[in-house]
Every structure is written in structure tokens, then in C-alpha cells.
PDB file of N, CA and C in Angstrom:
ATOM      1  N   UNK A   1     -28.422  -9.895 -76.673  1.00  0.00           N
ATOM      2  CA  UNK A   1     -28.155  -9.149 -75.462  1.00  0.00           C
ATOM      3  C   UNK A   1     -29.007  -9.691 -74.331  1.00  0.00           C
ATOM      4  N   UNK A   2     -30.145 -10.150 -74.575  1.00  0.00           N
ATOM      5  CA  UNK A   2     -31.108 -10.557 -73.474  1.00  0.00           C
ATOM      6  C   UNK A   2     -30.760 -11.923 -72.956  1.00  0.00           C
ATOM      7  N   UNK A   3     -30.206 -12.768 -73.725  1.00  0.00           N
ATOM      8  CA  UNK A   3     -29.939 -14.161 -73.302  1.00  0.00           C
ATOM      9  C   UNK A   3     -29.190 -14.297 -72.004  1.00  0.00           C
ATOM     10  N   UNK A   4     -28.151 -13.476 -71.750  1.00  0.00           N
ATOM     11  CA  UNK A   4     -27.438 -13.563 -70.480  1.00  0.00           C
ATOM     12  C   UNK A   4     -28.269 -13.235 -69.265  1.00  0.00           C
ATOM     13  N   UNK A   5     -29.407 -12.547 -69.523  1.00  0.00           N
ATOM     14  CA  UNK A   5     -30.280 -12.095 -68.419  1.00  0.00           C
ATOM     15  C   UNK A   5     -31.373 -13.132 -68.140  1.00  0.00           C
ATOM     16  N   UNK A   6     -31.521 -14.100 -68.984  1.00  0.00           N
ATOM     17  CA  UNK A   6     -32.610 -15.056 -68.890  1.00  0.00           C
ATOM     18  C   UNK A   6     -32.693 -15.778 -67.493  1.00  0.00           C
ATOM     19  N   UNK A   7     -31.566 -16.147 -67.001  1.00  0.00           N
ATOM     20  CA  UNK A   7     -31.479 -16.806 -65.627  1.00  0.00           C
ATOM     21  C   UNK A   7     -32.025 -15.909 -64.544  1.00  0.00           C
ATOM     22  N   UNK A   8     -31.674 -14.617 -64.634  1.00  0.00           N
ATOM     23  CA  UNK A   8     -32.151 -13.652 -63.588  1.00  0.00           C
ATOM     24  C   UNK A   8     -33.677 -13.498 -63.777  1.00  0.00           C
ATOM     25  N   UNK A   9     -34.161 -13.393 -64.971  1.00  0.00           N
ATOM     26  CA  UNK A   9     -35.579 -13.235 -65.187  1.00  0.00           C
ATOM     27  C   UNK A   9     -36.335 -14.450 -64.701  1.00  0.00           C
ATOM     28  N   UNK A  10     -35.839 -15.602 -65.012  1.00  0.00           N
ATOM     29  CA  UNK A  10     -36.495 -16.843 -64.588  1.00  0.00           C
ATOM     30  C   UNK A  10     -36.555 -16.942 -63.054  1.00  0.00           C
ATOM     31  N   UNK A  11     -35.418 -16.470 -62.439  1.00  0.00           N
ATOM     32  CA  UNK A  11     -35.353 -16.489 -60.906  1.00  0.00           C
ATOM     33  C   UNK A  11     -36.444 -15.467 -60.386  1.00  0.00           C
ATOM     34  N   UNK A  12     -36.548 -14.306 -60.996  1.00  0.00           N
ATOM     35  CA  UNK A  12     -37.513 -13.332 -60.574  1.00  0.00           C
ATOM     36  C   UNK A  12     -38.969 -13.979 -60.571  1.00  0.00           C
ATOM     37  N   UNK A  13     -39.283 -14.612 -61.725  1.00  0.00           N
ATOM     38  CA  UNK A  13     -40.589 -15.178 -61.889  1.00  0.00           C
ATOM     39  C   UNK A  13     -40.755 -16.337 -60.832  1.00  0.00           C
ATOM     40  N   UNK A  14     -39.744 -17.216 -60.740  1.00  0.00           N
ATOM     41  CA  UNK A  14     -39.787 -18.276 -59.815  1.00  0.00           C
ATOM     42  C   UNK A  14     -40.010 -17.749 -58.377  1.00  0.00           C
ATOM     43  N   UNK A  15     -39.292 -16.740 -57.962  1.00  0.00           N
ATOM     44  CA  UNK A  15     -39.481 -16.157 -56.606  1.00  0.00           C
ATOM     45  C   UNK A  15     -40.879 -15.659 -56.325  1.00  0.00           C
ATOM     46  N   UNK A  16     -41.436 -15.070 -57.342  1.00  0.00           N
ATOM     47  CA  UNK A  16     -42.866 -14.555 -57.172  1.00  0.00           C
ATOM     48  C   UNK A  16     -43.844 -15.654 -56.827  1.00  0.00           C
ATOM     49  N   UNK A  17     -43.673 -16.798 -57.574  1.00  0.00           N
ATOM     50  CA  UNK A  17     -44.621 -17.877 -57.283  1.00  0.00           C
ATOM     51  C   UNK A  17     -44.185 -18.697 -56.053  1.00  0.00           C
ATOM     52  N   UNK A  18     -42.898 -18.936 -55.888  1.00  0.00           N
ATOM     53  CA  UNK A  18     -42.420 -19.768 -54.738  1.00  0.00           C
ATOM     54  C   UNK A  18     -42.794 -18.976 -53.389  1.00  0.00           C
ATOM     55  N   UNK A  19     -42.596 -17.676 -53.385  1.00  0.00           N
ATOM     56  CA  UNK A  19     -42.946 -16.934 -52.212  1.00  0.00           C
ATOM     57  C   UNK A  19     -44.460 -16.640 -52.063  1.00  0.00           C
ATOM     58  N   UNK A  20     -45.252 -17.132 -53.013  1.00  0.00           N
ATOM     59  CA  UNK A  20     -46.693 -16.954 -53.052  1.00  0.00           C
ATOM     60  C   UNK A  20     -47.092 -15.499 -53.103  1.00  0.00           C
ATOM     61  N   UNK A  21     -46.247 -14.694 -53.675  1.00  0.00           N
ATOM     62  CA  UNK A  21     -46.596 -13.306 -53.915  1.00  0.00           C
ATOM     63  C   UNK A  21     -47.757 -13.338 -54.885  1.00  0.00           C
ATOM     64  N   UNK A  22     -47.688 -14.127 -55.905  1.00  0.00           N
ATOM     65  CA  UNK A  22     -48.814 -14.291 -56.798  1.00  0.00           C
ATOM     66  C   UNK A  22     -49.341 -15.759 -56.536  1.00  0.00           C
ATOM     67  N   UNK A  23     -50.696 -15.850 -56.413  1.00  0.00           N
ATOM     68  CA  UNK A  23     -51.290 -17.099 -56.141  1.00  0.00           C
ATOM     69  C   UNK A  23     -52.328 -17.440 -57.162  1.00  0.00           C
ATOM     70  N   UNK A  24     -52.935 -18.589 -57.114  1.00  0.00           N
ATOM     71  CA  UNK A  24     -53.944 -19.021 -58.014  1.00  0.00           C
ATOM     72  C   UNK A  24     -55.060 -17.980 -58.161  1.00  0.00           C
ATOM     73  N   UNK A  25     -55.453 -17.466 -57.019  1.00  0.00           N
ATOM     74  CA  UNK A  25     -56.618 -16.530 -56.995  1.00  0.00           C
ATOM     75  C   UNK A  25     -56.310 -15.172 -57.628  1.00  0.00           C
ATOM     76  N   UNK A  26     -55.089 -14.899 -58.043  1.00  0.00           N
ATOM     77  CA  UNK A  26     -54.720 -13.700 -58.748  1.00  0.00           C
ATOM     78  C   UNK A  26     -54.888 -13.898 -60.280  1.00  0.00           C
ATOM     79  N   UNK A  27     -55.263 -15.078 -60.710  1.00  0.00           N
ATOM     80  CA  UNK A  27     -55.413 -15.442 -62.106  1.00  0.00           C
ATOM     81  C   UNK A  27     -56.878 -15.717 -62.444  1.00  0.00           C
ATOM     82  N   UNK A  28     -57.310 -15.393 -63.650  1.00  0.00           N
ATOM     83  CA  UNK A  28     -58.592 -15.806 -64.146  1.00  0.00           C
ATOM     84  C   UNK A  28     -58.471 -16.514 -65.505  1.00  0.00           C
ATOM     85  N   UNK A  29     -59.490 -17.347 -65.768  1.00  0.00           N
ATOM     86  CA  UNK A  29     -59.498 -18.042 -67.006  1.00  0.00           C
ATOM     87  C   UNK A  29     -60.588 -17.410 -67.907  1.00  0.00           C
ATOM     88  N   UNK A  30     -60.189 -17.126 -69.123  1.00  0.00           N
ATOM     89  CA  UNK A  30     -61.074 -16.473 -70.093  1.00  0.00           C
ATOM     90  C   UNK A  30     -60.905 -17.093 -71.483  1.00  0.00           C
ATOM     91  N   UNK A  31     -61.865 -17.884 -71.954  1.00  0.00           N
ATOM     92  CA  UNK A  31     -61.811 -18.530 -73.268  1.00  0.00           C
ATOM     93  C   UNK A  31     -60.569 -19.428 -73.391  1.00  0.00           C
ATOM     94  N   UNK A  32     -60.201 -20.134 -72.366  1.00  0.00           N
ATOM     95  CA  UNK A  32     -59.084 -20.969 -72.380  1.00  0.00           C
ATOM     96  C   UNK A  32     -57.704 -20.264 -72.120  1.00  0.00           C
ATOM     97  N   UNK A  33     -57.709 -18.994 -71.843  1.00  0.00           N
ATOM     98  CA  UNK A  33     -56.456 -18.229 -71.572  1.00  0.00           C
ATOM     99  C   UNK A  33     -56.373 -18.063 -70.134  1.00  0.00           C
ATOM    100  N   UNK A  34     -55.206 -18.117 -69.558  1.00  0.00           N
ATOM    101  CA  UNK A  34     -54.930 -17.823 -68.182  1.00  0.00           C
ATOM    102  C   UNK A  34     -54.399 -16.395 -68.090  1.00  0.00           C
ATOM    103  N   UNK A  35     -55.122 -15.506 -67.470  1.00  0.00           N
ATOM    104  CA  UNK A  35     -54.794 -14.105 -67.375  1.00  0.00           C
ATOM    105  C   UNK A  35     -54.622 -13.610 -65.953  1.00  0.00           C
ATOM    106  N   UNK A  36     -53.674 -12.668 -65.850  1.00  0.00           N
ATOM    107  CA  UNK A  36     -53.456 -12.111 -64.573  1.00  0.00           C
ATOM    108  C   UNK A  36     -54.555 -11.125 -64.245  1.00  0.00           C
ATOM    109  N   UNK A  37     -55.321 -11.343 -63.127  1.00  0.00           N
ATOM    110  CA  UNK A  37     -56.430 -10.471 -62.786  1.00  0.00           C
ATOM    111  C   UNK A  37     -55.910  -9.129 -62.226  1.00  0.00           C
ATOM    112  N   UNK A  38     -56.868  -8.266 -61.978  1.00  0.00           N
ATOM    113  CA  UNK A  38     -56.600  -6.901 -61.560  1.00  0.00           C
ATOM    114  C   UNK A  38     -55.760  -6.872 -60.214  1.00  0.00           C
ATOM    115  N   UNK A  39     -56.137  -7.716 -59.265  1.00  0.00           N
ATOM    116  CA  UNK A  39     -55.389  -7.720 -57.981  1.00  0.00           C
ATOM    117  C   UNK A  39     -53.967  -8.271 -58.249  1.00  0.00           C
ATOM    118  N   UNK A  40     -53.822  -9.250 -59.077  1.00  0.00           N
ATOM    119  CA  UNK A  40     -52.490  -9.759 -59.470  1.00  0.00           C
ATOM    120  C   UNK A  40     -51.647  -8.726 -60.141  1.00  0.00           C
ATOM    121  N   UNK A  41     -52.228  -7.986 -61.087  1.00  0.00           N
ATOM    122  CA  UNK A  41     -51.511  -6.951 -61.825  1.00  0.00           C
ATOM    123  C   UNK A  41     -51.019  -5.853 -60.788  1.00  0.00           C
ATOM    124  N   UNK A  42     -51.827  -5.515 -59.818  1.00  0.00           N
ATOM    125  CA  UNK A  42     -51.472  -4.526 -58.782  1.00  0.00           C
ATOM    126  C   UNK A  42     -50.268  -4.981 -58.028  1.00  0.00           C
ATOM    127  N   UNK A  43     -50.102  -6.220 -57.866  1.00  0.00           N
ATOM    128  CA  UNK A  43     -48.974  -6.806 -57.126  1.00  0.00           C
ATOM    129  C   UNK A  43     -47.710  -6.945 -58.111  1.00  0.00           C
ATOM    130  N   UNK A  44     -47.976  -7.524 -59.306  1.00  0.00           N
ATOM    131  CA  UNK A  44     -46.905  -7.895 -60.157  1.00  0.00           C
ATOM    132  C   UNK A  44     -46.138  -6.623 -60.711  1.00  0.00           C
ATOM    133  N   UNK A  45     -46.892  -5.662 -61.307  1.00  0.00           N
ATOM    134  CA  UNK A  45     -46.195  -4.601 -61.997  1.00  0.00           C
ATOM    135  C   UNK A  45     -45.248  -3.735 -61.171  1.00  0.00           C
ATOM    136  N   UNK A  46     -45.568  -3.382 -60.004  1.00  0.00           N
ATOM    137  CA  UNK A  46     -44.637  -2.598 -59.145  1.00  0.00           C
ATOM    138  C   UNK A  46     -43.336  -3.437 -58.925  1.00  0.00           C
ATOM    139  N   UNK A  47     -43.527  -4.720 -58.624  1.00  0.00           N
ATOM    140  CA  UNK A  47     -42.357  -5.531 -58.377  1.00  0.00           C
ATOM    141  C   UNK A  47     -41.540  -5.757 -59.692  1.00  0.00           C
ATOM    142  N   UNK A  48     -42.221  -5.875 -60.780  1.00  0.00           N
ATOM    143  CA  UNK A  48     -41.537  -6.036 -62.042  1.00  0.00           C
ATOM    144  C   UNK A  48     -40.765  -4.739 -62.373  1.00  0.00           C
ATOM    145  N   UNK A  49     -41.359  -3.597 -62.201  1.00  0.00           N
ATOM    146  CA  UNK A  49     -40.649  -2.309 -62.503  1.00  0.00           C
ATOM    147  C   UNK A  49     -39.395  -2.161 -61.633  1.00  0.00           C
ATOM    148  N   UNK A  50     -39.495  -2.546 -60.430  1.00  0.00           N
ATOM    149  CA  UNK A  50     -38.335  -2.439 -59.530  1.00  0.00           C
ATOM    150  C   UNK A  50     -37.231  -3.368 -60.013  1.00  0.00           C
ATOM    151  N   UNK A  51     -37.609  -4.588 -60.405  1.00  0.00           N
ATOM    152  CA  UNK A  51     -36.633  -5.591 -60.926  1.00  0.00           C
ATOM    153  C   UNK A  51     -36.071  -5.107 -62.302  1.00  0.00           C
ATOM    154  N   UNK A  52     -36.890  -4.575 -63.138  1.00  0.00           N
ATOM    155  CA  UNK A  52     -36.607  -4.194 -64.467  1.00  0.00           C
ATOM    156  C   UNK A  52     -35.534  -3.075 -64.514  1.00  0.00           C
ATOM    157  N   UNK A  53     -35.504  -2.170 -63.478  1.00  0.00           N
ATOM    158  CA  UNK A  53     -34.570  -1.071 -63.499  1.00  0.00           C
ATOM    159  C   UNK A  53     -33.126  -1.614 -63.627  1.00  0.00           C
ATOM    160  N   UNK A  54     -32.837  -2.651 -62.886  1.00  0.00           N
ATOM    161  CA  UNK A  54     -31.507  -3.255 -62.925  1.00  0.00           C
ATOM    162  C   UNK A  54     -31.279  -3.848 -64.363  1.00  0.00           C
ATOM    163  N   UNK A  55     -32.258  -4.524 -64.932  1.00  0.00           N
ATOM    164  CA  UNK A  55     -32.037  -5.132 -66.204  1.00  0.00           C
ATOM    165  C   UNK A  55     -31.887  -4.052 -67.305  1.00  0.00           C
ATOM    166  N   UNK A  56     -32.621  -3.018 -67.225  1.00  0.00           N
ATOM    167  CA  UNK A  56     -32.485  -1.905 -68.184  1.00  0.00           C
ATOM    168  C   UNK A  56     -31.129  -1.251 -68.154  1.00  0.00           C
ATOM    169  N   UNK A  57     -30.617  -1.085 -66.985  1.00  0.00           N
ATOM    170  CA  UNK A  57     -29.229  -0.551 -66.857  1.00  0.00           C
ATOM    171  C   UNK A  57     -28.199  -1.465 -67.531  1.00  0.00           C
ATOM    172  N   UNK A  58     -28.366  -2.753 -67.297  1.00  0.00           N
ATOM    173  CA  UNK A  58     -27.474  -3.751 -67.873  1.00  0.00           C
ATOM    174  C   UNK A  58     -27.655  -3.696 -69.422  1.00  0.00           C
ATOM    175  N   UNK A  59     -28.868  -3.748 -69.922  1.00  0.00           N
ATOM    176  CA  UNK A  59     -29.075  -3.732 -71.370  1.00  0.00           C
ATOM    177  C   UNK A  59     -28.492  -2.450 -71.978  1.00  0.00           C
ATOM    178  N   UNK A  60     -28.689  -1.301 -71.321  1.00  0.00           N
ATOM    179  CA  UNK A  60     -28.125  -0.055 -71.847  1.00  0.00           C
ATOM    180  C   UNK A  60     -26.575  -0.133 -71.959  1.00  0.00           C
ATOM    181  N   UNK A  61     -26.004  -0.593 -70.891  1.00  0.00           N
ATOM    182  CA  UNK A  61     -24.535  -0.734 -70.858  1.00  0.00           C
ATOM    183  C   UNK A  61     -24.085  -1.709 -71.973  1.00  0.00           C
ATOM    184  N   UNK A  62     -24.737  -2.813 -72.110  1.00  0.00           N
ATOM    185  CA  UNK A  62     -24.364  -3.704 -73.233  1.00  0.00           C
ATOM    186  C   UNK A  62     -24.530  -3.133 -74.617  1.00  0.00           C
ATOM    187  N   UNK A  63     -25.659  -2.388 -74.787  1.00  0.00           N
ATOM    188  CA  UNK A  63     -25.895  -1.741 -76.043  1.00  0.00           C
ATOM    189  C   UNK A  63     -24.816  -0.692 -76.394  1.00  0.00           C
ATOM    190  N   UNK A  64     -24.444   0.028 -75.425  1.00  0.00           N
ATOM    191  CA  UNK A  64     -23.418   1.093 -75.627  1.00  0.00           C
ATOM    192  C   UNK A  64     -22.127   0.379 -75.974  1.00  0.00           C
ATOM    193  N   UNK A  65     -21.720  -0.736 -75.375  1.00  0.00           N
ATOM    194  CA  UNK A  65     -20.554  -1.510 -75.644  1.00  0.00           C
ATOM    195  C   UNK A  65     -20.583  -1.968 -77.107  1.00  0.00           C
ATOM    196  N   UNK A  66     -21.722  -2.549 -77.481  1.00  0.00           N
ATOM    197  CA  UNK A  66     -21.860  -2.984 -78.882  1.00  0.00           C
ATOM    198  C   UNK A  66     -21.664  -1.929 -79.915  1.00  0.00           C
ATOM    199  N   UNK A  67     -22.290  -0.790 -79.623  1.00  0.00           N
ATOM    200  CA  UNK A  67     -22.115   0.390 -80.504  1.00  0.00           C
ATOM    201  C   UNK A  67     -20.731   0.840 -80.627  1.00  0.00           C
ATOM    202  N   UNK A  68     -20.020   0.845 -79.515  1.00  0.00           N
ATOM    203  CA  UNK A  68     -18.610   1.302 -79.564  1.00  0.00           C
ATOM    204  C   UNK A  68     -17.784   0.294 -80.353  1.00  0.00           C
ATOM    205  N   UNK A  69     -18.089  -0.993 -80.150  1.00  0.00           N
ATOM    206  CA  UNK A  69     -17.267  -2.020 -80.964  1.00  0.00           C
ATOM    207  C   UNK A  69     -17.599  -1.919 -82.473  1.00  0.00           C
ATOM    208  N   UNK A  70     -18.881  -1.672 -82.778  1.00  0.00           N
ATOM    209  CA  UNK A  70     -19.239  -1.485 -84.214  1.00  0.00           C
ATOM    210  C   UNK A  70     -18.544  -0.247 -84.776  1.00  0.00           C
ATOM    211  N   UNK A  71     -18.626   0.868 -84.044  1.00  0.00           N
ATOM    212  CA  UNK A  71     -18.012   2.105 -84.540  1.00  0.00           C
ATOM    213  C   UNK A  71     -16.544   1.961 -84.686  1.00  0.00           C
ATOM    214  N   UNK A  72     -15.857   1.324 -83.757  1.00  0.00           N
ATOM    215  CA  UNK A  72     -14.447   1.099 -83.851  1.00  0.00           C
ATOM    216  C   UNK A  72     -14.108   0.235 -85.067  1.00  0.00           C
ATOM    217  N   UNK A  73     -14.890  -0.810 -85.311  1.00  0.00           N
ATOM    218  CA  UNK A  73     -14.695  -1.654 -86.484  1.00  0.00           C
ATOM    219  C   UNK A  73     -14.882  -0.889 -87.767  1.00  0.00           C
ATOM    220  N   UNK A  74     -15.868  -0.030 -87.862  1.00  0.00           N
ATOM    221  CA  UNK A  74     -16.132   0.738 -89.070  1.00  0.00           C
ATOM    222  C   UNK A  74     -15.000   1.742 -89.261  1.00  0.00           C
ATOM    223  N   UNK A  75     -14.553   2.432 -88.235  1.00  0.00           N
ATOM    224  CA  UNK A  75     -13.472   3.424 -88.394  1.00  0.00           C
ATOM    225  C   UNK A  75     -12.179   2.724 -88.821  1.00  0.00           C
ATOM    226  N   UNK A  76     -11.995   1.562 -88.351  1.00  0.00           N
ATOM    227  CA  UNK A  76     -10.705   0.814 -88.782  1.00  0.00           C
ATOM    228  C   UNK A  76     -10.815   0.497 -90.284  1.00  0.00           C
ATOM    229  N   UNK A  77     -11.962   0.296 -90.847  1.00  0.00           N
ATOM    230  CA  UNK A  77     -12.140   0.029 -92.241  1.00  0.00           C
ATOM    231  C   UNK A  77     -11.800   1.190 -93.052  1.00  0.00           C
ATOM    232  N   UNK A  78     -12.043   2.391 -92.519  1.00  0.00           N
ATOM    233  CA  UNK A  78     -11.879   3.652 -93.305  1.00  0.00           C
ATOM    234  C   UNK A  78     -10.460   4.252 -93.112  1.00  0.00           C
ATOM    235  N   UNK A  79      -9.660   3.650 -92.174  1.00  0.00           N
ATOM    236  CA  UNK A  79      -8.338   4.270 -91.905  1.00  0.00           C
ATOM    237  C   UNK A  79      -7.383   4.019 -92.985  1.00  0.00           C
ATOM    238  N   UNK A  80      -7.473   2.953 -93.744  1.00  0.00           N
ATOM    239  CA  UNK A  80      -6.530   2.663 -94.841  1.00  0.00           C
ATOM    240  C   UNK A  80      -7.091   3.211 -96.127  1.00  0.00           C
ATOM    241  N   UNK A  81      -6.474   4.278 -96.615  1.00  0.00           N
ATOM    242  CA  UNK A  81      -6.906   4.986 -97.814  1.00  0.00           C
ATOM    243  C   UNK A  81      -6.723   4.173 -99.110  1.00  0.00           C
ATOM    244  N   UNK A  82      -5.908   3.141 -99.084  1.00  0.00           N
ATOM    245  CA  UNK A  82      -5.641   2.441-100.302  1.00  0.00           C
ATOM    246  C   UNK A  82      -6.789   1.399-100.653  1.00  0.00           C
ATOM    247  N   UNK A  83      -7.713   1.215 -99.793  1.00  0.00           N
ATOM    248  CA  UNK A  83      -8.840   0.292-100.020  1.00  0.00           C
ATOM    249  C   UNK A  83     -10.137   0.977 -99.757  1.00  0.00           C
ATOM    250  N   UNK A  84     -11.112   0.490-100.417  1.00  0.00           N
ATOM    251  CA  UNK A  84     -12.493   0.885-100.173  1.00  0.00           C
ATOM    252  C   UNK A  84     -12.994   0.222 -98.875  1.00  0.00           C
ATOM    253  N   UNK A  85     -14.047   0.774 -98.322  1.00  0.00           N
ATOM    254  CA  UNK A  85     -14.615   0.104 -97.138  1.00  0.00           C
ATOM    255  C   UNK A  85     -15.011  -1.370 -97.533  1.00  0.00           C
ATOM    256  N   UNK A  86     -14.958  -2.290 -96.605  1.00  0.00           N
ATOM    257  CA  UNK A  86     -15.308  -3.660 -96.722  1.00  0.00           C
ATOM    258  C   UNK A  86     -14.349  -4.429 -97.594  1.00  0.00           C
ATOM    259  N   UNK A  87     -13.086  -3.853 -97.781  1.00  0.00           N
ATOM    260  CA  UNK A  87     -12.035  -4.597 -98.468  1.00  0.00           C
ATOM    261  C   UNK A  87     -12.015  -4.562 -99.981  1.00  0.00           C
ATOM    262  N   UNK A  88     -12.943  -3.898-100.618  1.00  0.00           N
ATOM    263  CA  UNK A  88     -12.891  -3.860-102.074  1.00  0.00           C
ATOM    264  C   UNK A  88     -11.834  -2.837-102.519  1.00  0.00           C
ATOM    265  N   UNK A  89     -11.048  -3.242-103.562  1.00  0.00           N
ATOM    266  CA  UNK A  89     -10.010  -2.405-104.099  1.00  0.00           C
ATOM    267  C   UNK A  89     -10.683  -1.343-104.990  1.00  0.00           C
ATOM    268  N   UNK A  90     -10.058  -0.157-105.013  1.00  0.00           N
ATOM    269  CA  UNK A  90     -10.556   0.980-105.876  1.00  0.00           C
ATOM    270  C   UNK A  90     -10.290   0.695-107.341  1.00  0.00           C
ATOM    271  N   UNK A  91     -11.364   0.921-108.181  1.00  0.00           N
ATOM    272  CA  UNK A  91     -11.189   0.794-109.598  1.00  0.00           C
ATOM    273  C   UNK A  91     -11.372   2.185-110.176  1.00  0.00           C
ATOM    274  N   UNK A  92     -10.227   2.886-110.348  1.00  0.00           N
ATOM    275  CA  UNK A  92     -10.308   4.270-110.820  1.00  0.00           C
ATOM    276  C   UNK A  92     -10.275   4.237-112.403  1.00  0.00           C
ATOM    277  N   UNK A  93     -11.152   4.988-113.001  1.00  0.00           N
ATOM    278  CA  UNK A  93     -11.223   5.037-114.445  1.00  0.00           C
ATOM    279  C   UNK A  93     -10.791   6.404-114.910  1.00  0.00           C
ATOM    280  N   UNK A  94      -9.869   6.498-115.841  1.00  0.00           N
ATOM    281  CA  UNK A  94      -9.350   7.725-116.396  1.00  0.00           C
ATOM    282  C   UNK A  94     -10.298   8.141-117.524  1.00  0.00           C
ATOM    283  N   UNK A  95     -10.709   9.364-117.525  1.00  0.00           N
ATOM    284  CA  UNK A  95     -11.533   9.881-118.626  1.00  0.00           C
ATOM    285  C   UNK A  95     -10.718  10.546-119.677  1.00  0.00           C
ATOM    286  N   UNK A  96      -9.380  10.545-119.681  1.00  0.00           N
ATOM    287  CA  UNK A  96      -8.606  11.210-120.665  1.00  0.00           C
ATOM    288  C   UNK A  96      -8.253  10.286-121.761  1.00  0.00           C
TER     289      UNK A  96
END
């Protein structure tokens, strides 16, 4: 579900750096790791949350679509009384 959004996410990150919203001085180095400093986090997270609202709506819509497709497929399996779910034939055993 997330793969179709990758281009939008990449563009969001690219725009933050291209527009110099985040700059070198917003990052710190600690034990070889590059970390977003406090000032950078104060800039990044509000922008990310605004951007993420659209992504969350899209993911929710896609998840609902997948659920409806799955439910429809499962109900189709149970509509035919002559077969067990998943296509296995019934093996009825008489106890008389």
C-alpha cells in the first residue's frame, strides 16, 4: 500500500532540502550518526504532520478498499453450499 506513495514522500523530503527549510546547521553528529537537532525537529515535524494528513487519508481509503475486496472474496467462497471454503469437497461420514 505504501509503495505508490513513495514518489510523493521522496518529493516532500527533496523539497525540504531544496528549499533549504532544513539546512546543515539543523543536524548534529553523535557517535557517527547524523541526527536532526532540536531546531530542525521544530521545523520538520509540523511540516511532516501537515503532509502526512493527505497520506493517511489515502492509506485509509486503500485499506478500506482491500478489506472490501477480501470480504467479497470470502463471501463468494461461502455462497456455494456444495463445497467447503477454499474449494475442498465435503466428506460426509454416515454413523449408521
